[in-house]
Amino acid sequence: MKRIVTVLATASLLATVGVAGVQANDAPGNNGTVKIHDGPTEPRPEVRNQPHVCTFHLHFFFADAAQA
C-alpha cells in the first residue's frame, strides 16, 4: 500500500512539474524581441541587430498583444 501511494505521489508531482514547464515557456508578459537599428533607415534584413549606435530606432517582435 505504501508503495502505491509513493508511486501515485511521484506521478502526480511529475505531471504538475511538466505542466508548469509548458506554461512558463509561453507565459504572458515580458517575452518579445527588441532589435536596435542605426539611423532612420531600415537595414536589410530588418531583424539585423546593431547595438552600438548613437542615433537609433526600435522594432518589437513577437510581443504579446497587450504589450505592444
PDB file of N, CA and C in Angstrom:
ATOM      1  N   MET A   1       0.826  -1.191   0.000  1.00  0.00           N
ATOM      2  CA  MET A   1       0.000   0.000   0.000  1.00  0.00           C
ATOM      3  C   MET A   1       0.873   1.259   0.000  1.00  0.00           C
ATOM      4  N   LYS A   2       1.941   1.234   0.805  1.00  0.00           N
ATOM      5  CA  LYS A   2       2.831   2.387   0.883  1.00  0.00           C
ATOM      6  C   LYS A   2       3.498   2.632  -0.472  1.00  0.00           C
ATOM      7  N   ARG A   3       3.830   1.559  -1.171  1.00  0.00           N
ATOM      8  CA  ARG A   3       4.472   1.685  -2.482  1.00  0.00           C
ATOM      9  C   ARG A   3       3.516   2.327  -3.498  1.00  0.00           C
ATOM     10  N   ILE A   4       2.251   1.959  -3.464  1.00  0.00           N
ATOM     11  CA  ILE A   4       1.262   2.526  -4.380  1.00  0.00           C
ATOM     12  C   ILE A   4       1.103   4.026  -4.132  1.00  0.00           C
ATOM     13  N   VAL A   5       1.044   4.411  -2.873  1.00  0.00           N
ATOM     14  CA  VAL A   5       0.919   5.830  -2.523  1.00  0.00           C
ATOM     15  C   VAL A   5       2.147   6.597  -3.005  1.00  0.00           C
ATOM     16  N   THR A   6       3.325   6.028  -2.835  1.00  0.00           N
ATOM     17  CA  THR A   6       4.561   6.675  -3.284  1.00  0.00           C
ATOM     18  C   THR A   6       4.569   6.833  -4.801  1.00  0.00           C
ATOM     19  N   VAL A   7       4.164   5.803  -5.520  1.00  0.00           N
ATOM     20  CA  VAL A   7       4.125   5.862  -6.986  1.00  0.00           C
ATOM     21  C   VAL A   7       3.114   6.912  -7.448  1.00  0.00           C
ATOM     22  N   LEU A   8       1.935   6.949  -6.844  1.00  0.00           N
ATOM     23  CA  LEU A   8       0.926   7.937  -7.220  1.00  0.00           C
ATOM     24  C   LEU A   8       1.385   9.363  -6.904  1.00  0.00           C
ATOM     25  N   ALA A   9       2.023   9.557  -5.770  1.00  0.00           N
ATOM     26  CA  ALA A   9       2.528  10.883  -5.403  1.00  0.00           C
ATOM     27  C   ALA A   9       3.614  11.332  -6.374  1.00  0.00           C
ATOM     28  N   THR A  10       4.502  10.424  -6.743  1.00  0.00           N
ATOM     29  CA  THR A  10       5.570  10.752  -7.690  1.00  0.00           C
ATOM     30  C   THR A  10       4.991  11.088  -9.060  1.00  0.00           C
ATOM     31  N   ALA A  11       4.034  10.300  -9.527  1.00  0.00           N
ATOM     32  CA  ALA A  11       3.402  10.561 -10.821  1.00  0.00           C
ATOM     33  C   ALA A  11       2.686  11.907 -10.822  1.00  0.00           C
ATOM     34  N   SER A  12       2.010  12.221  -9.736  1.00  0.00           N
ATOM     35  CA  SER A  12       1.316  13.498  -9.620  1.00  0.00           C
ATOM     36  C   SER A  12       2.300  14.667  -9.647  1.00  0.00           C
ATOM     37  N   LEU A  13       3.397  14.530  -8.942  1.00  0.00           N
ATOM     38  CA  LEU A  13       4.426  15.570  -8.913  1.00  0.00           C
ATOM     39  C   LEU A  13       5.026  15.777 -10.297  1.00  0.00           C
ATOM     40  N   LEU A  14       5.352  14.695 -10.986  1.00  0.00           N
ATOM     41  CA  LEU A  14       5.931  14.811 -12.326  1.00  0.00           C
ATOM     42  C   LEU A  14       4.949  15.447 -13.307  1.00  0.00           C
ATOM     43  N   ALA A  15       3.685  15.112 -13.210  1.00  0.00           N
ATOM     44  CA  ALA A  15       2.676  15.713 -14.085  1.00  0.00           C
ATOM     45  C   ALA A  15       2.550  17.210 -13.821  1.00  0.00           C
ATOM     46  N   THR A  16       2.580  17.604 -12.559  1.00  0.00           N
ATOM     47  CA  THR A  16       2.486  19.018 -12.197  1.00  0.00           C
ATOM     48  C   THR A  16       3.695  19.793 -12.700  1.00  0.00           C
ATOM     49  N   VAL A  17       4.875  19.253 -12.525  1.00  0.00           N
ATOM     50  CA  VAL A  17       6.101  19.917 -12.981  1.00  0.00           C
ATOM     51  C   VAL A  17       6.101  20.032 -14.500  1.00  0.00           C
ATOM     52  N   GLY A  18       5.652  19.003 -15.194  1.00  0.00           N
ATOM     53  CA  GLY A  18       5.599  19.040 -16.656  1.00  0.00           C
ATOM     54  C   GLY A  18       4.673  20.124 -17.176  1.00  0.00           C
ATOM     55  N   VAL A  19       3.506  20.269 -16.584  1.00  0.00           N
ATOM     56  CA  VAL A  19       2.550  21.298 -16.997  1.00  0.00           C
ATOM     57  C   VAL A  19       3.091  22.682 -16.670  1.00  0.00           C
ATOM     58  N   ALA A  20       3.706  22.853 -15.522  1.00  0.00           N
ATOM     59  CA  ALA A  20       4.257  24.159 -15.133  1.00  0.00           C
ATOM     60  C   ALA A  20       5.354  24.585 -16.097  1.00  0.00           C
ATOM     61  N   GLY A  21       6.169  23.657 -16.553  1.00  0.00           N
ATOM     62  CA  GLY A  21       7.226  23.984 -17.506  1.00  0.00           C
ATOM     63  C   GLY A  21       6.671  24.466 -18.832  1.00  0.00           C
ATOM     64  N   VAL A  22       5.617  23.846 -19.309  1.00  0.00           N
ATOM     65  CA  VAL A  22       4.986  24.257 -20.566  1.00  0.00           C
ATOM     66  C   VAL A  22       4.349  25.627 -20.414  1.00  0.00           C
ATOM     67  N   GLN A  23       3.667  25.881 -19.318  1.00  0.00           N
ATOM     68  CA  GLN A  23       3.029  27.170 -19.102  1.00  0.00           C
ATOM     69  C   GLN A  23       4.058  28.281 -18.943  1.00  0.00           C
ATOM     70  N   ALA A  24       5.161  28.029 -18.294  1.00  0.00           N
ATOM     71  CA  ALA A  24       6.188  29.049 -18.092  1.00  0.00           C
ATOM     72  C   ALA A  24       6.861  29.416 -19.404  1.00  0.00           C
ATOM     73  N   ASN A  25       6.911  28.494 -20.344  1.00  0.00           N
ATOM     74  CA  ASN A  25       7.564  28.753 -21.617  1.00  0.00           C
ATOM     75  C   ASN A  25       6.806  29.785 -22.439  1.00  0.00           C
ATOM     76  N   ASP A  26       5.506  29.865 -22.330  1.00  0.00           N
ATOM     77  CA  ASP A  26       4.700  30.797 -23.109  1.00  0.00           C
ATOM     78  C   ASP A  26       3.857  31.686 -22.200  1.00  0.00           C
ATOM     79  N   ALA A  27       4.435  32.105 -21.095  1.00  0.00           N
ATOM     80  CA  ALA A  27       3.703  32.942 -20.146  1.00  0.00           C
ATOM     81  C   ALA A  27       3.500  34.338 -20.727  1.00  0.00           C
ATOM     82  N   PRO A  28       2.362  34.991 -20.462  1.00  0.00           N
ATOM     83  CA  PRO A  28       2.158  36.353 -20.929  1.00  0.00           C
ATOM     84  C   PRO A  28       3.082  37.309 -20.181  1.00  0.00           C
ATOM     85  N   GLY A  29       3.498  38.347 -20.873  1.00  0.00           N
ATOM     86  CA  GLY A  29       4.349  39.330 -20.214  1.00  0.00           C
ATOM     87  C   GLY A  29       5.597  39.624 -21.008  1.00  0.00           C
ATOM     88  N   ASN A  30       6.729  39.576 -20.371  1.00  0.00           N
ATOM     89  CA  ASN A  30       7.995  40.010 -20.942  1.00  0.00           C
ATOM     90  C   ASN A  30       8.602  38.909 -21.808  1.00  0.00           C
ATOM     91  N   ASN A  31       8.120  38.745 -23.040  1.00  0.00           N
ATOM     92  CA  ASN A  31       8.644  37.687 -23.893  1.00  0.00           C
ATOM     93  C   ASN A  31       8.726  38.106 -25.352  1.00  0.00           C
ATOM     94  N   GLY A  32       9.137  39.329 -25.634  1.00  0.00           N
ATOM     95  CA  GLY A  32       9.305  39.805 -27.002  1.00  0.00           C
ATOM     96  C   GLY A  32      10.770  39.951 -27.352  1.00  0.00           C
ATOM     97  N   THR A  33      11.044  40.412 -28.561  1.00  0.00           N
ATOM     98  CA  THR A  33      12.405  40.642 -29.032  1.00  0.00           C
ATOM     99  C   THR A  33      12.526  42.094 -29.458  1.00  0.00           C
ATOM    100  N   VAL A  34      13.584  42.768 -29.042  1.00  0.00           N
ATOM    101  CA  VAL A  34      13.843  44.150 -29.433  1.00  0.00           C
ATOM    102  C   VAL A  34      15.133  44.174 -30.233  1.00  0.00           C
ATOM    103  N   LYS A  35      15.098  44.795 -31.414  1.00  0.00           N
ATOM    104  CA  LYS A  35      16.288  44.966 -32.240  1.00  0.00           C
ATOM    105  C   LYS A  35      16.553  46.457 -32.386  1.00  0.00           C
ATOM    106  N   ILE A  36      17.808  46.863 -32.299  1.00  0.00           N
ATOM    107  CA  ILE A  36      18.204  48.264 -32.391  1.00  0.00           C
ATOM    108  C   ILE A  36      18.876  48.482 -33.738  1.00  0.00           C
ATOM    109  N   HIS A  37      18.415  49.525 -34.489  1.00  0.00           N
ATOM    110  CA  HIS A  37      18.946  49.809 -35.817  1.00  0.00           C
ATOM    111  C   HIS A  37      19.598  51.182 -35.839  1.00  0.00           C
ATOM    112  N   ASP A  38      20.668  51.301 -36.589  1.00  0.00           N
ATOM    113  CA  ASP A  38      21.390  52.549 -36.769  1.00  0.00           C
ATOM    114  C   ASP A  38      20.596  53.496 -37.661  1.00  0.00           C
ATOM    115  N   GLY A  39      20.411  54.746 -37.225  1.00  0.00           N
ATOM    116  CA  GLY A  39      19.810  55.785 -38.045  1.00  0.00           C
ATOM    117  C   GLY A  39      18.353  55.579 -38.394  1.00  0.00           C
ATOM    118  N   PRO A  40      17.816  56.435 -39.294  1.00  0.00           N
ATOM    119  CA  PRO A  40      16.397  56.392 -39.630  1.00  0.00           C
ATOM    120  C   PRO A  40      16.040  55.365 -40.709  1.00  0.00           C
ATOM    121  N   THR A  41      17.013  54.725 -41.330  1.00  0.00           N
ATOM    122  CA  THR A  41      16.720  53.796 -42.426  1.00  0.00           C
ATOM    123  C   THR A  41      16.647  52.363 -41.937  1.00  0.00           C
ATOM    124  N   GLU A  42      16.086  51.508 -42.779  1.00  0.00           N
ATOM    125  CA  GLU A  42      15.958  50.087 -42.453  1.00  0.00           C
ATOM    126  C   GLU A  42      17.144  49.309 -43.016  1.00  0.00           C
ATOM    127  N   PRO A  43      17.915  48.620 -42.178  1.00  0.00           N
ATOM    128  CA  PRO A  43      18.944  47.735 -42.714  1.00  0.00           C
ATOM    129  C   PRO A  43      18.291  46.482 -43.292  1.00  0.00           C
ATOM    130  N   ARG A  44      18.982  45.797 -44.124  1.00  0.00           N
ATOM    131  CA  ARG A  44      18.481  44.522 -44.668  1.00  0.00           C
ATOM    132  C   ARG A  44      19.313  43.407 -44.105  1.00  0.00           C
ATOM    133  N   PRO A  45      18.754  42.387 -43.536  1.00  0.00           N
ATOM    134  CA  PRO A  45      17.338  42.205 -43.231  1.00  0.00           C
ATOM    135  C   PRO A  45      16.916  43.053 -42.037  1.00  0.00           C
ATOM    136  N   GLU A  46      15.611  43.232 -41.879  1.00  0.00           N
ATOM    137  CA  GLU A  46      15.066  44.102 -40.835  1.00  0.00           C
ATOM    138  C   GLU A  46      15.409  43.625 -39.429  1.00  0.00           C
ATOM    139  N   VAL A  47      15.612  42.328 -39.234  1.00  0.00           N
ATOM    140  CA  VAL A  47      15.882  41.806 -37.896  1.00  0.00           C
ATOM    141  C   VAL A  47      17.363  41.884 -37.524  1.00  0.00           C
ATOM    142  N   ARG A  48      18.183  42.508 -38.350  1.00  0.00           N
ATOM    143  CA  ARG A  48      19.601  42.670 -38.034  1.00  0.00           C
ATOM    144  C   ARG A  48      19.748  43.529 -36.779  1.00  0.00           C
ATOM    145  N   ASN A  49      20.717  43.218 -35.948  1.00  0.00           N
ATOM    146  CA  ASN A  49      20.918  43.931 -34.693  1.00  0.00           C
ATOM    147  C   ASN A  49      22.193  44.765 -34.770  1.00  0.00           C
ATOM    148  N   GLN A  50      22.112  46.055 -34.425  1.00  0.00           N
ATOM    149  CA  GLN A  50      23.261  46.957 -34.393  1.00  0.00           C
ATOM    150  C   GLN A  50      23.263  47.676 -33.043  1.00  0.00           C
ATOM    151  N   PRO A  51      23.703  47.032 -31.959  1.00  0.00           N
ATOM    152  CA  PRO A  51      23.502  47.590 -30.625  1.00  0.00           C
ATOM    153  C   PRO A  51      24.411  48.753 -30.240  1.00  0.00           C
ATOM    154  N   HIS A  52      25.492  49.040 -30.969  1.00  0.00           N
ATOM    155  CA  HIS A  52      26.428  50.096 -30.566  1.00  0.00           C
ATOM    156  C   HIS A  52      26.287  51.302 -31.488  1.00  0.00           C
ATOM    157  N   VAL A  53      25.177  52.026 -31.374  1.00  0.00           N
ATOM    158  CA  VAL A  53      24.907  53.174 -32.229  1.00  0.00           C
ATOM    159  C   VAL A  53      24.493  54.361 -31.377  1.00  0.00           C
ATOM    160  N   CYS A  54      24.519  55.567 -31.960  1.00  0.00           N
ATOM    161  CA  CYS A  54      24.091  56.765 -31.239  1.00  0.00           C
ATOM    162  C   CYS A  54      22.661  57.152 -31.615  1.00  0.00           C
ATOM    163  N   THR A  55      22.363  57.284 -32.915  1.00  0.00           N
ATOM    164  CA  THR A  55      21.008  57.553 -33.377  1.00  0.00           C
ATOM    165  C   THR A  55      20.386  56.222 -33.750  1.00  0.00           C
ATOM    166  N   PHE A  56      19.192  55.937 -33.240  1.00  0.00           N
ATOM    167  CA  PHE A  56      18.614  54.621 -33.490  1.00  0.00           C
ATOM    168  C   PHE A  56      17.097  54.671 -33.470  1.00  0.00           C
ATOM    169  N   HIS A  57      16.494  53.607 -33.969  1.00  0.00           N
ATOM    170  CA  HIS A  57      15.056  53.372 -33.818  1.00  0.00           C
ATOM    171  C   HIS A  57      14.865  51.908 -33.466  1.00  0.00           C
ATOM    172  N   LEU A  58      13.704  51.578 -32.919  1.00  0.00           N
ATOM    173  CA  LEU A  58      13.473  50.240 -32.380  1.00  0.00           C
ATOM    174  C   LEU A  58      12.369  49.513 -33.132  1.00  0.00           C
ATOM    175  N   HIS A  59      12.484  48.186 -33.179  1.00  0.00           N
ATOM    176  CA  HIS A  59      11.428  47.299 -33.674  1.00  0.00           C
ATOM    177  C   HIS A  59      11.156  46.272 -32.593  1.00  0.00           C
ATOM    178  N   PHE A  60       9.883  46.007 -32.309  1.00  0.00           N
ATOM    179  CA  PHE A  60       9.492  44.998 -31.330  1.00  0.00           C
ATOM    180  C   PHE A  60       8.863  43.832 -32.078  1.00  0.00           C
ATOM    181  N   PHE A  61       9.368  42.624 -31.832  1.00  0.00           N
ATOM    182  CA  PHE A  61       8.863  41.424 -32.491  1.00  0.00           C
ATOM    183  C   PHE A  61       8.360  40.427 -31.461  1.00  0.00           C
ATOM    184  N   PHE A  62       7.313  39.701 -31.783  1.00  0.00           N
ATOM    185  CA  PHE A  62       6.825  38.552 -31.019  1.00  0.00           C
ATOM    186  C   PHE A  62       6.356  38.910 -29.611  1.00  0.00           C
ATOM    187  N   ALA A  63       5.916  40.124 -29.384  1.00  0.00           N
ATOM    188  CA  ALA A  63       5.408  40.517 -28.071  1.00  0.00           C
ATOM    189  C   ALA A  63       3.926  40.147 -27.977  1.00  0.00           C
ATOM    190  N   ASP A  64       3.425  40.057 -26.771  1.00  0.00           N
ATOM    191  CA  ASP A  64       2.002  39.820 -26.574  1.00  0.00           C
ATOM    192  C   ASP A  64       1.220  41.052 -27.026  1.00  0.00           C
ATOM    193  N   ALA A  65      -0.001  40.867 -27.451  1.00  0.00           N
ATOM    194  CA  ALA A  65      -0.824  41.970 -27.962  1.00  0.00           C
ATOM    195  C   ALA A  65      -1.007  43.074 -26.922  1.00  0.00           C
ATOM    196  N   ALA A  66      -1.124  42.734 -25.662  1.00  0.00           N
ATOM    197  CA  ALA A  66      -1.315  43.729 -24.603  1.00  0.00           C
ATOM    198  C   ALA A  66      -0.045  44.528 -24.336  1.00  0.00           C
ATOM    199  N   GLN A  67       1.115  44.045 -24.760  1.00  0.00           N
ATOM    200  CA  GLN A  67       2.371  44.743 -24.525  1.00  0.00           C
ATOM    201  C   GLN A  67       2.647  45.818 -25.560  1.00  0.00           C
ATOM    202  N   ALA A  68       2.220  45.610 -26.789  1.00  0.00           N
ATOM    203  CA  ALA A  68       2.624  46.492 -27.884  1.00  0.00           C
ATOM    204  C   ALA A  68       1.833  47.772 -27.922  1.00  0.00           C
TER     205      ALA A  68
END
